[in-house]
Amino acid sequence: MKKEILIFLSDNYADWEGSYICSELNHPDTGFVVKTLSLTNNPVKSMGGFTVIPDYTINDLPTDYHMLILVGGTSWSQRKNEAIKPIVDRCAEKKIPVAAICDACTFLADKGFLDNIKHTGNSANHLKEFAPHYKGTAHFVEKQAVSAEGFITANGTAAVEFSREILKYFDLMKPKELENWFQMFKIGFYTK
């Protein structure tokens, strides 16, 4: 049986932020399968107009999964995703890794998950402004993506770096293969 990775999708989610990593994790040879998670079982529409019927809701998620991925989107700043916090609490308690990008990082910052670990996000000033309970400024790193103590964080321009950190975490590619993958998706075949 394949190991499940959950990706949380909320209304108006940033569909491109999870696209690179989900396609890699869902590859038949990885041993993983990506399943979608949402607040309810209602269809969820992305910023790009894709409609997804979630595999799970926060009330019926499986007990055994190997990562929770949180992508950005407009619902984070509108505080519509507060009900995901107990799931993140459970992940932290059970040592299930959490990967967050863009304003999902702002949510983690506001809820105290990033107060004592190295992390990144859209900017330190953004976190201070939009995460009123954030106390982790001393641990903010000005990098595209950071992996530390079971949390992977990335800013909203770093979908490829975010994916690379997750691929590293699961050791799905040899270092040279991973570097080639990164260069292909970050730079492309032609540089001129």
Protein backbone atom coordinates (compact mmCIF):
# COMPACT_ATOMS: atom_id res chain seq x y z
CA MET A 1 0.00 0.00 0.00
CA LYS A 2 1.28 3.47 -0.88
CA LYS A 3 2.06 5.99 1.85
CA GLU A 4 -0.34 8.91 1.84
CA ILE A 5 0.70 12.56 1.69
CA LEU A 6 -2.09 15.04 2.47
CA ILE A 7 -2.33 18.40 0.74
CA PHE A 8 -4.73 20.88 2.33
CA LEU A 9 -6.78 22.82 -0.19
CA SER A 10 -8.97 25.75 0.78
CA ASP A 11 -11.13 28.01 -1.37
CA ASN A 12 -9.04 30.07 -3.76
CA TYR A 13 -5.89 28.03 -3.07
CA ALA A 14 -2.70 28.74 -5.04
CA ASP A 15 -2.77 25.72 -7.38
CA TRP A 16 0.75 26.24 -8.79
CA GLU A 17 2.41 26.09 -5.37
CA GLY A 18 1.80 22.37 -4.97
CA SER A 19 1.91 21.31 -8.59
CA TYR A 20 5.62 20.42 -8.86
CA ILE A 21 5.79 18.38 -5.67
CA CYS A 22 2.45 16.61 -6.07
CA SER A 23 3.33 15.36 -9.53
CA GLU A 24 6.67 14.03 -8.24
CA LEU A 25 5.20 12.39 -5.12
CA ASN A 26 2.40 10.80 -7.15
CA HIS A 27 4.87 9.18 -9.54
CA PRO A 28 4.23 5.39 -9.57
CA ASP A 29 7.77 4.56 -8.41
CA THR A 30 7.83 6.69 -5.25
CA GLY A 31 5.64 4.59 -2.98
CA PHE A 32 3.59 7.70 -2.17
CA VAL A 33 0.14 8.90 -3.17
CA VAL A 34 -1.13 12.45 -2.73
CA LYS A 35 -4.60 12.86 -1.27
CA THR A 36 -6.49 16.12 -0.93
CA LEU A 37 -7.81 17.44 2.37
CA SER A 38 -10.24 20.29 2.93
CA LEU A 39 -12.42 21.76 5.65
CA THR A 40 -15.56 20.15 4.20
CA ASN A 41 -16.41 17.71 1.43
CA ASN A 42 -17.66 20.53 -0.81
CA PRO A 43 -15.75 21.09 -4.06
CA VAL A 44 -12.85 23.53 -3.67
CA LYS A 45 -11.92 25.97 -6.45
CA SER A 46 -8.35 27.17 -6.96
CA MET A 47 -7.14 30.63 -7.93
CA GLY A 48 -6.59 29.23 -11.43
CA GLY A 49 -10.16 27.91 -11.66
CA PHE A 50 -9.53 24.20 -11.03
CA THR A 51 -12.29 22.49 -9.04
CA VAL A 52 -11.30 19.63 -6.74
CA ILE A 53 -13.52 17.28 -4.78
CA PRO A 54 -11.50 16.56 -1.61
CA ASP A 55 -10.53 13.02 -0.69
CA TYR A 56 -10.80 13.83 3.01
CA THR A 57 -12.18 16.47 5.34
CA ILE A 58 -10.61 17.57 8.59
CA ASN A 59 -13.18 15.39 10.36
CA ASP A 60 -12.42 12.15 8.51
CA LEU A 61 -8.72 12.21 7.67
CA PRO A 62 -6.70 9.00 7.95
CA THR A 63 -4.68 8.27 11.06
CA ASP A 64 -1.65 7.24 9.03
CA TYR A 65 -0.13 9.81 6.67
CA HIS A 66 3.44 10.89 6.11
CA MET A 67 3.30 14.65 5.51
CA LEU A 68 0.86 17.53 5.54
CA ILE A 69 1.35 20.09 2.77
CA LEU A 70 -0.23 23.53 3.13
CA VAL A 71 -0.31 25.72 0.02
CA GLY A 72 -1.06 29.43 -0.04
CA GLY A 73 -4.15 31.19 -1.26
CA THR A 74 -6.42 34.06 -0.31
CA SER A 75 -8.35 32.23 2.43
CA TRP A 76 -5.36 32.30 4.82
CA SER A 77 -5.37 36.10 5.13
CA GLN A 78 -9.14 36.02 5.53
CA ARG A 79 -8.67 33.63 8.48
CA LYS A 80 -10.94 31.01 6.91
CA ASN A 81 -8.63 28.08 7.64
CA GLU A 82 -8.44 28.26 11.44
CA ALA A 83 -9.93 24.75 11.76
CA ILE A 84 -6.75 23.19 10.31
CA LYS A 85 -4.78 24.12 13.46
CA PRO A 86 -5.64 20.93 15.41
CA ILE A 87 -4.36 18.89 12.45
CA VAL A 88 -1.06 20.80 12.49
CA ASP A 89 -0.93 20.36 16.29
CA ARG A 90 -1.33 16.60 15.79
CA CYS A 91 1.42 16.58 13.17
CA ALA A 92 3.80 18.41 15.52
CA GLU A 93 2.95 16.04 18.35
CA LYS A 94 3.31 12.88 16.23
CA LYS A 95 6.43 14.14 14.37
CA ILE A 96 4.61 14.15 11.03
CA PRO A 97 6.35 16.73 8.82
CA VAL A 98 4.47 19.86 7.75
CA ALA A 99 5.40 21.71 4.56
CA ALA A 100 3.95 25.21 4.07
CA ILE A 101 4.36 27.83 1.38
CA CYS A 102 3.34 31.48 1.05
CA ASP A 103 0.55 32.57 3.41
CA ALA A 104 0.31 29.07 4.87
CA CYS A 105 3.64 30.03 6.50
CA THR A 106 1.97 33.16 7.85
CA PHE A 107 -0.66 30.93 9.45
CA LEU A 108 2.04 28.73 11.03
CA ALA A 109 3.84 31.84 12.28
CA ASP A 110 0.69 33.28 13.83
CA LYS A 111 -0.08 30.01 15.60
CA GLY A 112 3.40 29.77 17.17
CA PHE A 113 4.73 26.81 15.17
CA LEU A 114 7.70 28.82 13.87
CA ASP A 115 8.62 30.73 17.04
CA ASN A 116 11.65 28.59 17.90
CA ILE A 117 12.83 27.06 14.64
CA LYS A 118 14.55 28.31 11.50
CA HIS A 119 11.96 29.19 8.88
CA THR A 120 11.10 31.49 6.01
CA GLY A 121 7.96 32.99 4.51
CA ASN A 122 7.00 35.87 2.26
CA SER A 123 9.23 38.19 4.37
CA ALA A 124 9.93 38.84 8.03
CA ASN A 125 7.98 42.10 7.78
CA HIS A 126 5.04 40.29 6.18
CA LEU A 127 4.96 37.79 9.05
CA LYS A 128 5.17 40.57 11.65
CA GLU A 129 2.35 42.48 9.96
CA PHE A 130 -0.04 39.62 9.18
CA ALA A 131 0.73 37.17 11.99
CA PRO A 132 0.02 39.23 15.12
CA HIS A 133 1.08 36.45 17.51
CA TYR A 134 4.38 35.72 15.72
CA LYS A 135 7.44 35.64 17.99
CA GLY A 136 9.98 33.96 15.70
CA THR A 137 11.68 36.92 14.01
CA ALA A 138 15.07 35.87 15.39
CA HIS A 139 14.75 32.56 13.52
CA PHE A 140 13.62 33.99 10.17
CA VAL A 141 15.98 33.10 7.31
CA GLU A 142 16.03 35.09 4.07
CA LYS A 143 15.97 32.04 1.79
CA GLN A 144 13.48 30.73 -0.73
CA ALA A 145 12.85 27.57 1.30
CA VAL A 146 13.99 26.29 4.70
CA SER A 147 13.72 22.86 6.27
CA ALA A 148 14.08 22.57 10.05
CA GLU A 149 12.76 20.31 12.79
CA GLY A 150 9.92 18.75 10.83
CA PHE A 151 8.75 21.96 9.15
CA ILE A 152 9.48 22.99 5.58
CA THR A 153 8.66 26.61 4.78
CA ALA A 154 8.88 28.62 1.56
CA ASN A 155 7.88 32.00 0.26
CA GLY A 156 5.27 32.41 -2.45
CA THR A 157 7.84 32.68 -5.26
CA ALA A 158 9.52 29.39 -4.35
CA ALA A 159 7.35 26.52 -5.58
CA VAL A 160 10.36 24.76 -7.12
CA GLU A 161 12.59 25.26 -4.05
CA PHE A 162 9.70 24.13 -1.84
CA SER A 163 9.41 20.96 -3.89
CA ARG A 164 13.16 20.36 -3.77
CA GLU A 165 13.13 20.51 0.06
CA ILE A 166 10.30 17.97 0.22
CA LEU A 167 12.06 15.69 -2.25
CA LYS A 168 15.23 15.96 -0.13
CA TYR A 169 13.25 15.19 3.01
CA PHE A 170 11.95 11.93 1.52
CA ASP A 171 15.29 11.20 -0.18
CA LEU A 172 13.47 10.44 -3.44
CA MET A 173 16.32 11.40 -5.75
CA LYS A 174 20.07 11.10 -5.64
CA PRO A 175 21.75 14.51 -5.14
CA LYS A 176 22.83 14.91 -8.78
CA GLU A 177 19.41 13.82 -10.06
CA LEU A 178 17.73 16.28 -7.69
CA GLU A 179 20.01 19.11 -8.80
CA ASN A 180 19.25 18.33 -12.46
CA TRP A 181 15.53 18.26 -11.67
CA PHE A 182 15.78 21.61 -9.90
CA GLN A 183 17.76 23.25 -12.72
CA MET A 184 15.30 21.99 -15.33
CA PHE A 185 12.24 23.42 -13.57
CA LYS A 186 13.89 26.57 -12.25
CA ILE A 187 15.90 27.59 -15.32
CA GLY A 188 14.62 25.40 -18.14
CA PHE A 189 16.34 23.99 -21.16
CA TYR A 190 17.34 27.31 -22.67
CA THR A 191 18.71 30.28 -20.76
CA LYS A 192 18.56 32.86 -23.56
